[in-house]
Amino acid sequence: MYEITETDMVLERLAGPTMLDELARRPWRVGSLGRELGRLHDRLHALPAPEWLPKRFGTADGDRVLHLDLHPGNIILTRRGPVVIDWCNAGAGDPAADVAMTMVTVGSADVPGFAARLGRGLLLHGIRSGCRTDPSGRMQEMVRVKLDDPNLMPAEAAWLRRHAGVGDGPGVGCSDRSGC
């Protein structure tokens, strides 16, 4: 950020594709880009949350910075490395909630075609292998949060209900290390 006033912010202009664009152009990179996304979570969650961030999905271990919308469309791949954008959902809390939200968001994304759905599974596997935080304890909670999102598309909601085991009791659905 270069400057901030009461009404304006002057930000750096970023050059490069989004991670989502890169996945579309070079699908063979899905595993490495997924691991990169997992490592971005680890880097973000290394930061203690400042007091002014809203508390969400708290933890007893000390709140960390959460993005809560960290997916391939919100990462710009610049020459200096990946840059995370779109911070309007940011909060303070449990890193497992942040990773679980990414898993739920990517898992429920309405992607056409078998190859894209296969790629989604590989991306989810890459995220989990690149990230040290286990999201399994927060998966069902994030599914419920996602289902309450007024911007959720009907196909995404149907996928969540079908694959996430909402209402099926504990231990069902997105609770293993592979995600959804």
N, C-alpha and C. Protein backbone atom coordinates (compact mmCIF):
# COMPACT_ATOMS: atom_id res chain seq x y z
N MET A 1 0.85 -1.15 0.00
CA MET A 1 0.00 0.00 0.00
C MET A 1 0.91 1.23 0.00
N TYR A 2 0.62 2.12 -0.90
CA TYR A 2 1.43 3.32 -1.01
C TYR A 2 0.90 4.48 -0.18
N GLU A 3 -0.43 4.59 -0.11
CA GLU A 3 -1.03 5.72 0.62
C GLU A 3 -2.45 5.34 1.02
N ILE A 4 -2.87 5.88 2.14
CA ILE A 4 -4.25 5.68 2.58
C ILE A 4 -4.76 6.99 3.17
N THR A 5 -5.98 7.35 2.78
CA THR A 5 -6.63 8.54 3.33
C THR A 5 -7.98 8.09 3.89
N GLU A 6 -8.79 9.04 4.28
CA GLU A 6 -10.12 8.69 4.81
C GLU A 6 -11.01 8.06 3.76
N THR A 7 -10.77 8.35 2.49
CA THR A 7 -11.65 7.87 1.43
C THR A 7 -10.97 7.00 0.36
N ASP A 8 -9.64 6.98 0.34
CA ASP A 8 -8.94 6.31 -0.76
C ASP A 8 -7.76 5.49 -0.27
N MET A 9 -7.40 4.50 -1.09
CA MET A 9 -6.17 3.73 -0.90
C MET A 9 -5.46 3.67 -2.24
N VAL A 10 -4.17 3.89 -2.22
CA VAL A 10 -3.34 3.73 -3.41
C VAL A 10 -2.53 2.46 -3.21
N LEU A 11 -2.79 1.48 -4.08
CA LEU A 11 -2.16 0.17 -3.96
C LEU A 11 -1.19 -0.08 -5.10
N GLU A 12 -0.29 -1.01 -4.90
CA GLU A 12 0.63 -1.43 -5.94
C GLU A 12 -0.14 -2.17 -7.03
N ARG A 13 0.19 -1.91 -8.28
CA ARG A 13 -0.40 -2.65 -9.40
C ARG A 13 0.40 -3.94 -9.57
N LEU A 14 -0.30 -5.05 -9.58
CA LEU A 14 0.34 -6.35 -9.69
C LEU A 14 0.28 -6.84 -11.13
N ALA A 15 1.38 -7.39 -11.60
CA ALA A 15 1.43 -7.95 -12.95
C ALA A 15 1.63 -9.45 -12.85
N GLY A 16 0.78 -10.18 -13.54
CA GLY A 16 0.88 -11.63 -13.58
C GLY A 16 -0.50 -12.26 -13.58
N PRO A 17 -0.54 -13.53 -13.93
CA PRO A 17 -1.83 -14.24 -13.95
C PRO A 17 -2.24 -14.63 -12.55
N THR A 18 -3.52 -14.92 -12.39
CA THR A 18 -3.94 -15.53 -11.14
C THR A 18 -3.50 -16.99 -11.17
N MET A 19 -3.46 -17.61 -10.01
CA MET A 19 -3.14 -19.03 -9.95
C MET A 19 -4.19 -19.83 -10.73
N LEU A 20 -5.43 -19.37 -10.72
CA LEU A 20 -6.49 -20.03 -11.47
C LEU A 20 -6.22 -19.97 -12.97
N ASP A 21 -5.78 -18.81 -13.46
CA ASP A 21 -5.41 -18.69 -14.87
C ASP A 21 -4.26 -19.63 -15.22
N GLU A 22 -3.28 -19.71 -14.34
CA GLU A 22 -2.13 -20.58 -14.56
C GLU A 22 -2.55 -22.05 -14.59
N LEU A 23 -3.48 -22.42 -13.74
CA LEU A 23 -4.00 -23.80 -13.75
C LEU A 23 -4.69 -24.12 -15.07
N ALA A 24 -5.42 -23.15 -15.61
CA ALA A 24 -6.10 -23.36 -16.89
C ALA A 24 -5.11 -23.48 -18.04
N ARG A 25 -4.04 -22.68 -18.01
CA ARG A 25 -3.04 -22.70 -19.08
C ARG A 25 -2.06 -23.87 -18.98
N ARG A 26 -1.73 -24.25 -17.76
CA ARG A 26 -0.72 -25.30 -17.53
C ARG A 26 -1.25 -26.30 -16.49
N PRO A 27 -2.24 -27.10 -16.87
CA PRO A 27 -2.87 -28.00 -15.90
C PRO A 27 -1.90 -29.03 -15.31
N TRP A 28 -0.81 -29.31 -15.96
CA TRP A 28 0.17 -30.26 -15.42
C TRP A 28 0.85 -29.73 -14.16
N ARG A 29 0.66 -28.45 -13.86
CA ARG A 29 1.24 -27.85 -12.65
C ARG A 29 0.31 -27.91 -11.45
N VAL A 30 -0.82 -28.61 -11.57
CA VAL A 30 -1.83 -28.59 -10.51
C VAL A 30 -1.27 -29.02 -9.16
N GLY A 31 -0.45 -30.05 -9.12
CA GLY A 31 0.11 -30.51 -7.85
C GLY A 31 1.03 -29.48 -7.22
N SER A 32 1.94 -28.92 -8.02
CA SER A 32 2.89 -27.95 -7.47
C SER A 32 2.19 -26.66 -7.06
N LEU A 33 1.18 -26.24 -7.81
CA LEU A 33 0.44 -25.04 -7.44
C LEU A 33 -0.40 -25.29 -6.19
N GLY A 34 -0.94 -26.48 -6.05
CA GLY A 34 -1.67 -26.82 -4.82
C GLY A 34 -0.75 -26.77 -3.61
N ARG A 35 0.46 -27.34 -3.75
CA ARG A 35 1.41 -27.29 -2.64
C ARG A 35 1.79 -25.84 -2.32
N GLU A 36 1.94 -25.02 -3.35
CA GLU A 36 2.23 -23.59 -3.15
C GLU A 36 1.12 -22.92 -2.34
N LEU A 37 -0.12 -23.23 -2.66
CA LEU A 37 -1.26 -22.68 -1.93
C LEU A 37 -1.23 -23.15 -0.47
N GLY A 38 -0.88 -24.40 -0.24
CA GLY A 38 -0.75 -24.90 1.13
C GLY A 38 0.35 -24.17 1.89
N ARG A 39 1.48 -23.92 1.21
CA ARG A 39 2.58 -23.20 1.87
C ARG A 39 2.20 -21.74 2.15
N LEU A 40 1.38 -21.14 1.27
CA LEU A 40 0.91 -19.78 1.53
C LEU A 40 0.08 -19.74 2.81
N HIS A 41 -0.73 -20.76 3.03
CA HIS A 41 -1.46 -20.84 4.30
C HIS A 41 -0.49 -20.86 5.47
N ASP A 42 0.54 -21.69 5.39
CA ASP A 42 1.51 -21.78 6.49
C ASP A 42 2.18 -20.44 6.74
N ARG A 43 2.56 -19.74 5.68
CA ARG A 43 3.21 -18.43 5.86
C ARG A 43 2.26 -17.43 6.50
N LEU A 44 1.02 -17.43 6.06
CA LEU A 44 0.03 -16.51 6.61
C LEU A 44 -0.24 -16.82 8.07
N HIS A 45 -0.35 -18.09 8.40
CA HIS A 45 -0.71 -18.48 9.76
C HIS A 45 0.46 -18.37 10.74
N ALA A 46 1.63 -18.06 10.23
CA ALA A 46 2.76 -17.79 11.12
C ALA A 46 2.63 -16.41 11.75
N LEU A 47 1.71 -15.60 11.24
CA LEU A 47 1.54 -14.23 11.73
C LEU A 47 0.52 -14.16 12.86
N PRO A 48 0.93 -13.64 14.02
CA PRO A 48 -0.06 -13.41 15.08
C PRO A 48 -1.07 -12.36 14.60
N ALA A 49 -2.32 -12.56 14.93
CA ALA A 49 -3.36 -11.63 14.49
C ALA A 49 -3.28 -10.33 15.28
N PRO A 50 -3.32 -9.18 14.60
CA PRO A 50 -3.40 -7.91 15.33
C PRO A 50 -4.75 -7.79 16.02
N GLU A 51 -4.79 -7.03 17.08
CA GLU A 51 -6.00 -6.88 17.89
C GLU A 51 -7.19 -6.35 17.09
N TRP A 52 -6.96 -5.54 16.06
CA TRP A 52 -8.05 -4.90 15.33
C TRP A 52 -8.75 -5.83 14.34
N LEU A 53 -8.17 -7.00 14.04
CA LEU A 53 -8.85 -7.94 13.15
C LEU A 53 -10.04 -8.56 13.87
N PRO A 54 -11.18 -8.71 13.19
CA PRO A 54 -12.33 -9.33 13.84
C PRO A 54 -12.03 -10.78 14.22
N LYS A 55 -12.47 -11.16 15.40
CA LYS A 55 -12.27 -12.53 15.89
C LYS A 55 -13.27 -13.46 15.20
N ARG A 56 -12.73 -14.50 14.58
CA ARG A 56 -13.57 -15.51 13.91
C ARG A 56 -12.93 -16.86 14.12
N PHE A 57 -13.69 -17.83 14.47
CA PHE A 57 -13.20 -19.20 14.60
C PHE A 57 -11.99 -19.26 15.53
N GLY A 58 -12.17 -18.73 16.73
CA GLY A 58 -11.10 -18.60 17.71
C GLY A 58 -10.45 -19.91 18.13
N THR A 59 -9.31 -19.76 18.76
CA THR A 59 -8.53 -20.89 19.24
C THR A 59 -7.96 -20.55 20.61
N ALA A 60 -7.66 -21.57 21.37
CA ALA A 60 -7.06 -21.37 22.69
C ALA A 60 -5.56 -21.10 22.59
N ASP A 61 -4.97 -21.38 21.44
CA ASP A 61 -3.51 -21.25 21.26
C ASP A 61 -3.06 -19.87 20.81
N GLY A 62 -3.93 -18.93 20.70
CA GLY A 62 -3.57 -17.60 20.20
C GLY A 62 -4.01 -17.46 18.76
N ASP A 63 -4.76 -16.42 18.50
CA ASP A 63 -5.30 -16.23 17.16
C ASP A 63 -4.22 -15.86 16.16
N ARG A 64 -4.39 -16.35 14.95
CA ARG A 64 -3.49 -16.07 13.83
C ARG A 64 -4.27 -15.32 12.76
N VAL A 65 -3.57 -14.74 11.79
CA VAL A 65 -4.22 -14.06 10.67
C VAL A 65 -4.87 -15.12 9.77
N LEU A 66 -6.15 -14.90 9.46
CA LEU A 66 -6.90 -15.78 8.56
C LEU A 66 -7.35 -14.97 7.34
N HIS A 67 -7.27 -15.56 6.17
CA HIS A 67 -7.76 -14.91 4.96
C HIS A 67 -9.23 -15.23 4.74
N LEU A 68 -9.60 -16.48 4.88
CA LEU A 68 -10.96 -17.01 4.79
C LEU A 68 -11.57 -16.93 3.39
N ASP A 69 -10.75 -16.70 2.38
CA ASP A 69 -11.17 -16.80 0.98
C ASP A 69 -9.95 -17.06 0.10
N LEU A 70 -9.02 -17.87 0.62
CA LEU A 70 -7.75 -18.11 -0.05
C LEU A 70 -7.91 -19.28 -1.02
N HIS A 71 -8.07 -18.95 -2.29
CA HIS A 71 -8.24 -19.94 -3.36
C HIS A 71 -7.46 -19.45 -4.57
N PRO A 72 -7.31 -20.28 -5.61
CA PRO A 72 -6.47 -19.91 -6.76
C PRO A 72 -6.87 -18.62 -7.46
N GLY A 73 -8.12 -18.20 -7.38
CA GLY A 73 -8.53 -16.94 -7.99
C GLY A 73 -8.09 -15.72 -7.22
N ASN A 74 -7.63 -15.90 -5.98
CA ASN A 74 -7.20 -14.79 -5.14
C ASN A 74 -5.69 -14.77 -4.91
N ILE A 75 -4.96 -15.36 -5.83
CA ILE A 75 -3.50 -15.36 -5.77
C ILE A 75 -2.98 -14.90 -7.12
N ILE A 76 -2.22 -13.82 -7.12
CA ILE A 76 -1.57 -13.32 -8.33
C ILE A 76 -0.14 -13.85 -8.33
N LEU A 77 0.26 -14.47 -9.44
CA LEU A 77 1.61 -15.00 -9.57
C LEU A 77 2.49 -13.94 -10.25
N THR A 78 3.19 -13.17 -9.43
CA THR A 78 4.05 -12.09 -9.94
C THR A 78 5.48 -12.63 -10.11
N ARG A 79 6.34 -11.83 -10.70
CA ARG A 79 7.75 -12.22 -10.85
C ARG A 79 8.44 -12.37 -9.51
N ARG A 80 7.96 -11.63 -8.50
CA ARG A 80 8.55 -11.72 -7.15
C ARG A 80 8.01 -12.90 -6.37
N GLY A 81 6.97 -13.53 -6.87
CA GLY A 81 6.34 -14.64 -6.18
C GLY A 81 4.85 -14.41 -6.04
N PRO A 82 4.14 -15.36 -5.42
CA PRO A 82 2.70 -15.22 -5.29
C PRO A 82 2.30 -14.12 -4.31
N VAL A 83 1.23 -13.40 -4.66
CA VAL A 83 0.69 -12.34 -3.81
C VAL A 83 -0.78 -12.63 -3.58
N VAL A 84 -1.19 -12.64 -2.33
CA VAL A 84 -2.58 -12.90 -1.96
C VAL A 84 -3.35 -11.59 -2.02
N ILE A 85 -4.51 -11.64 -2.68
CA ILE A 85 -5.37 -10.46 -2.81
C ILE A 85 -6.74 -10.75 -2.18
N ASP A 86 -7.61 -9.75 -2.17
CA ASP A 86 -8.99 -9.85 -1.72
C ASP A 86 -9.08 -10.22 -0.25
N TRP A 87 -8.79 -9.26 0.58
CA TRP A 87 -8.71 -9.46 2.03
C TRP A 87 -9.99 -9.07 2.77
N CYS A 88 -11.11 -8.93 2.08
CA CYS A 88 -12.32 -8.42 2.75
C CYS A 88 -12.91 -9.40 3.77
N ASN A 89 -12.56 -10.68 3.74
CA ASN A 89 -13.07 -11.65 4.71
C ASN A 89 -12.08 -11.93 5.84
N ALA A 90 -10.95 -11.25 5.86
CA ALA A 90 -9.88 -11.56 6.82
C ALA A 90 -10.37 -11.45 8.26
N GLY A 91 -9.74 -12.26 9.09
CA GLY A 91 -10.08 -12.25 10.50
C GLY A 91 -8.97 -12.87 11.32
N ALA A 92 -9.23 -13.00 12.60
CA ALA A 92 -8.29 -13.59 13.54
C ALA A 92 -8.89 -14.88 14.06
N GLY A 93 -8.07 -15.93 14.14
CA GLY A 93 -8.60 -17.18 14.67
C GLY A 93 -7.73 -18.38 14.41
N ASP A 94 -8.37 -19.52 14.29
CA ASP A 94 -7.75 -20.83 14.16
C ASP A 94 -7.34 -21.10 12.71
N PRO A 95 -6.06 -21.33 12.44
CA PRO A 95 -5.62 -21.64 11.08
C PRO A 95 -6.36 -22.82 10.45
N ALA A 96 -6.78 -23.79 11.24
CA ALA A 96 -7.52 -24.93 10.69
C ALA A 96 -8.82 -24.48 10.02
N ALA A 97 -9.44 -23.43 10.54
CA ALA A 97 -10.66 -22.90 9.91
C ALA A 97 -10.35 -22.31 8.55
N ASP A 98 -9.24 -21.62 8.42
CA ASP A 98 -8.85 -21.01 7.16
C ASP A 98 -8.57 -22.09 6.10
N VAL A 99 -7.80 -23.11 6.48
CA VAL A 99 -7.49 -24.19 5.53
C VAL A 99 -8.76 -24.94 5.18
N ALA A 100 -9.62 -25.20 6.16
CA ALA A 100 -10.88 -25.89 5.89
C ALA A 100 -11.75 -25.08 4.94
N MET A 101 -11.79 -23.76 5.09
CA MET A 101 -12.58 -22.93 4.18
C MET A 101 -12.03 -23.03 2.77
N THR A 102 -10.71 -23.05 2.62
CA THR A 102 -10.13 -23.23 1.29
C THR A 102 -10.53 -24.58 0.71
N MET A 103 -10.44 -25.63 1.51
CA MET A 103 -10.79 -26.97 1.03
C MET A 103 -12.26 -27.03 0.60
N VAL A 104 -13.13 -26.42 1.38
CA VAL A 104 -14.56 -26.42 1.07
C VAL A 104 -14.83 -25.57 -0.18
N THR A 105 -14.19 -24.41 -0.27
CA THR A 105 -14.39 -23.53 -1.43
C THR A 105 -13.91 -24.18 -2.71
N VAL A 106 -12.70 -24.73 -2.69
CA VAL A 106 -12.17 -25.40 -3.89
C VAL A 106 -12.98 -26.67 -4.18
N GLY A 107 -13.29 -27.43 -3.15
CA GLY A 107 -14.02 -28.67 -3.34
C GLY A 107 -15.40 -28.48 -3.92
N SER A 108 -16.07 -27.42 -3.55
CA SER A 108 -17.45 -27.20 -4.00
C SER A 108 -17.54 -26.36 -5.27
N ALA A 109 -16.41 -25.86 -5.77
CA ALA A 109 -16.44 -25.01 -6.97
C ALA A 109 -17.09 -25.77 -8.12
N ASP A 110 -17.97 -25.09 -8.82
CA ASP A 110 -18.69 -25.69 -9.95
C ASP A 110 -17.77 -25.67 -11.17
N VAL A 111 -17.08 -26.78 -11.40
CA VAL A 111 -16.15 -26.87 -12.53
C VAL A 111 -16.70 -27.86 -13.55
N PRO A 112 -16.71 -27.48 -14.83
CA PRO A 112 -17.27 -28.35 -15.86
C PRO A 112 -16.28 -29.42 -16.31
N GLY A 113 -16.77 -30.59 -16.59
CA GLY A 113 -15.98 -31.62 -17.22
C GLY A 113 -15.19 -32.50 -16.27
N PHE A 114 -14.97 -33.73 -16.70
CA PHE A 114 -14.26 -34.71 -15.90
C PHE A 114 -12.82 -34.29 -15.61
N ALA A 115 -12.13 -33.77 -16.62
CA ALA A 115 -10.72 -33.39 -16.44
C ALA A 115 -10.59 -32.29 -15.38
N ALA A 116 -11.50 -31.33 -15.42
CA ALA A 116 -11.45 -30.24 -14.43
C ALA A 116 -11.74 -30.78 -13.03
N ARG A 117 -12.70 -31.70 -12.92
CA ARG A 117 -13.00 -32.27 -11.60
C ARG A 117 -11.83 -33.11 -11.09
N LEU A 118 -11.16 -33.83 -11.99
CA LEU A 118 -9.95 -34.58 -11.60
C LEU A 118 -8.87 -33.61 -11.14
N GLY A 119 -8.69 -32.51 -11.87
CA GLY A 119 -7.73 -31.50 -11.47
C GLY A 119 -8.04 -30.91 -10.12
N ARG A 120 -9.32 -30.70 -9.83
CA ARG A 120 -9.72 -30.18 -8.53
C ARG A 120 -9.27 -31.12 -7.42
N GLY A 121 -9.46 -32.42 -7.62
CA GLY A 121 -9.02 -33.40 -6.62
C GLY A 121 -7.52 -33.37 -6.42
N LEU A 122 -6.77 -33.22 -7.51
CA LEU A 122 -5.31 -33.13 -7.41
C LEU A 122 -4.89 -31.84 -6.71
N LEU A 123 -5.61 -30.76 -6.97
CA LEU A 123 -5.32 -29.48 -6.31
C LEU A 123 -5.55 -29.61 -4.80
N LEU A 124 -6.66 -30.21 -4.41
CA LEU A 124 -6.95 -30.41 -2.99
C LEU A 124 -5.86 -31.26 -2.33
N HIS A 125 -5.44 -32.30 -3.00
CA HIS A 125 -4.37 -33.14 -2.46
C HIS A 125 -3.08 -32.33 -2.32
N GLY A 126 -2.77 -31.49 -3.31
CA GLY A 126 -1.58 -30.65 -3.25
C GLY A 126 -1.63 -29.66 -2.10
N ILE A 127 -2.80 -29.06 -1.89
CA ILE A 127 -2.95 -28.11 -0.78
C ILE A 127 -2.64 -28.81 0.54
N ARG A 128 -3.23 -29.97 0.74
CA ARG A 128 -3.02 -30.70 2.00
C ARG A 128 -1.58 -31.16 2.16
N SER A 129 -0.92 -31.54 1.07
CA SER A 129 0.47 -31.98 1.21
C SER A 129 1.42 -30.81 1.40
N GLY A 130 1.02 -29.60 1.00
CA GLY A 130 1.87 -28.43 1.17
C GLY A 130 1.65 -27.68 2.47
N CYS A 131 0.61 -28.03 3.20
CA CYS A 131 0.22 -27.29 4.40
C CYS A 131 0.40 -28.15 5.64
N ARG A 132 0.95 -27.57 6.68
CA ARG A 132 1.16 -28.30 7.94
C ARG A 132 -0.09 -28.36 8.82
N THR A 133 -1.09 -27.54 8.55
CA THR A 133 -2.28 -27.47 9.38
C THR A 133 -3.32 -28.49 8.92
N ASP A 134 -3.82 -29.29 9.84
CA ASP A 134 -4.86 -30.26 9.55
C ASP A 134 -6.22 -29.59 9.73
N PRO A 135 -7.02 -29.47 8.66
CA PRO A 135 -8.30 -28.78 8.75
C PRO A 135 -9.46 -29.66 9.20
N SER A 136 -9.22 -30.94 9.42
CA SER A 136 -10.33 -31.88 9.60
C SER A 136 -11.27 -31.51 10.75
N GLY A 137 -10.77 -30.94 11.82
CA GLY A 137 -11.63 -30.57 12.94
C GLY A 137 -12.57 -29.42 12.65
N ARG A 138 -12.35 -28.69 11.58
CA ARG A 138 -13.17 -27.53 11.24
C ARG A 138 -13.97 -27.71 9.94
N MET A 139 -13.84 -28.86 9.28
CA MET A 139 -14.47 -29.04 7.97
C MET A 139 -15.99 -28.90 8.02
N GLN A 140 -16.66 -29.59 8.91
CA GLN A 140 -18.12 -29.53 8.97
C GLN A 140 -18.60 -28.11 9.28
N GLU A 141 -17.89 -27.44 10.18
CA GLU A 141 -18.25 -26.06 10.52
C GLU A 141 -18.14 -25.16 9.29
N MET A 142 -17.07 -25.33 8.50
CA MET A 142 -16.88 -24.48 7.32
C MET A 142 -17.89 -24.82 6.24
N VAL A 143 -18.31 -26.08 6.15
CA VAL A 143 -19.38 -26.44 5.22
C VAL A 143 -20.65 -25.68 5.58
N ARG A 144 -20.98 -25.64 6.86
CA ARG A 144 -22.18 -24.91 7.29
C ARG A 144 -22.04 -23.41 7.00
N VAL A 145 -20.86 -22.86 7.26
CA VAL A 145 -20.63 -21.43 6.96
C VAL A 145 -20.79 -21.19 5.47
N LYS A 146 -20.21 -22.05 4.66
CA LYS A 146 -20.29 -21.90 3.20
C LYS A 146 -21.74 -22.01 2.73
N LEU A 147 -22.50 -22.94 3.30
CA LEU A 147 -23.90 -23.09 2.90
C LEU A 147 -24.73 -21.87 3.26
N ASP A 148 -24.30 -21.07 4.24
CA ASP A 148 -24.99 -19.85 4.61
C ASP A 148 -24.59 -18.65 3.75
N ASP A 149 -23.64 -18.82 2.85
CA ASP A 149 -23.15 -17.74 2.00
C ASP A 149 -24.21 -17.38 0.96
N PRO A 150 -24.71 -16.14 0.96
CA PRO A 150 -25.76 -15.77 0.00
C PRO A 150 -25.28 -15.77 -1.46
N ASN A 151 -23.97 -15.78 -1.68
CA ASN A 151 -23.43 -15.79 -3.04
C ASN A 151 -23.16 -17.20 -3.56
N LEU A 152 -23.46 -18.21 -2.77
CA LEU A 152 -23.22 -19.60 -3.16
C LEU A 152 -24.15 -19.97 -4.32
N MET A 153 -23.57 -20.57 -5.35
CA MET A 153 -24.35 -21.01 -6.50
C MET A 153 -25.09 -22.31 -6.14
N PRO A 154 -26.25 -22.55 -6.74
CA PRO A 154 -27.00 -23.77 -6.44
C PRO A 154 -26.20 -25.05 -6.65
N ALA A 155 -25.39 -25.12 -7.70
CA ALA A 155 -24.59 -26.32 -7.94
C ALA A 155 -23.55 -26.52 -6.83
N GLU A 156 -23.00 -25.42 -6.33
CA GLU A 156 -22.03 -25.52 -5.23
C GLU A 156 -22.72 -26.02 -3.95
N ALA A 157 -23.88 -25.48 -3.67
CA ALA A 157 -24.63 -25.92 -2.48
C ALA A 157 -25.00 -27.39 -2.59
N ALA A 158 -25.41 -27.82 -3.77
CA ALA A 158 -25.75 -29.22 -3.97
C ALA A 158 -24.53 -30.11 -3.76
N TRP A 159 -23.38 -29.69 -4.26
CA TRP A 159 -22.15 -30.47 -4.07
C TRP A 159 -21.83 -30.57 -2.59
N LEU A 160 -21.93 -29.46 -1.88
CA LEU A 160 -21.64 -29.48 -0.44
C LEU A 160 -22.56 -30.44 0.30
N ARG A 161 -23.84 -30.38 -0.01
CA ARG A 161 -24.78 -31.27 0.68
C ARG A 161 -24.51 -32.74 0.32
N ARG A 162 -24.14 -32.99 -0.91
CA ARG A 162 -23.90 -34.36 -1.38
C ARG A 162 -22.61 -34.94 -0.85
N HIS A 163 -21.54 -34.16 -0.81
CA HIS A 163 -20.22 -34.68 -0.48
C HIS A 163 -19.72 -34.40 0.93
N ALA A 164 -20.32 -33.44 1.59
CA ALA A 164 -19.78 -33.02 2.87
C ALA A 164 -20.44 -33.67 4.07
N GLY A 165 -21.47 -34.45 3.86
CA GLY A 165 -22.09 -35.17 4.96
C GLY A 165 -22.78 -34.27 5.96
N VAL A 166 -23.28 -33.13 5.54
CA VAL A 166 -23.97 -32.24 6.46
C VAL A 166 -25.20 -32.96 7.00
N GLY A 167 -25.31 -33.00 8.30
CA GLY A 167 -26.45 -33.63 8.92
C GLY A 167 -26.33 -35.14 9.05
N ASP A 168 -25.21 -35.72 8.63
CA ASP A 168 -25.05 -37.17 8.69
C ASP A 168 -24.32 -37.63 9.93
N GLY A 169 -24.05 -36.72 10.84
CA GLY A 169 -23.39 -37.12 12.08
C GLY A 169 -21.89 -36.96 12.00
N PRO A 170 -21.22 -37.13 13.14
CA PRO A 170 -19.78 -36.94 13.19
C PRO A 170 -19.05 -38.01 12.40
N GLY A 171 -17.90 -37.62 11.86
CA GLY A 171 -17.06 -38.58 11.17
C GLY A 171 -17.45 -38.83 9.73
N VAL A 172 -18.45 -38.15 9.22
CA VAL A 172 -18.90 -38.35 7.85
C VAL A 172 -18.48 -37.14 7.04
N GLY A 173 -18.13 -37.37 5.80
CA GLY A 173 -17.87 -36.26 4.90
C GLY A 173 -16.42 -35.86 4.84
N CYS A 174 -16.15 -34.56 4.89
CA CYS A 174 -14.83 -33.98 4.62
C CYS A 174 -13.96 -34.00 5.86
N SER A 175 -13.73 -35.13 6.44
CA SER A 175 -12.96 -35.12 7.68
C SER A 175 -11.59 -35.78 7.56
N ASP A 176 -11.24 -36.31 6.41
CA ASP A 176 -9.93 -36.95 6.30
C ASP A 176 -8.91 -35.99 5.73
N ARG A 177 -7.64 -36.40 5.68
CA ARG A 177 -6.56 -35.52 5.24
C ARG A 177 -6.68 -35.13 3.77
N SER A 178 -7.40 -35.88 2.97
CA SER A 178 -7.48 -35.58 1.54
C SER A 178 -8.47 -34.46 1.23
N GLY A 179 -9.24 -34.04 2.22
CA GLY A 179 -10.21 -32.99 1.99
C GLY A 179 -11.54 -33.59 1.57
N CYS A 180 -12.21 -32.93 0.64
CA CYS A 180 -13.56 -33.37 0.26
C CYS A 180 -13.50 -34.33 -0.89
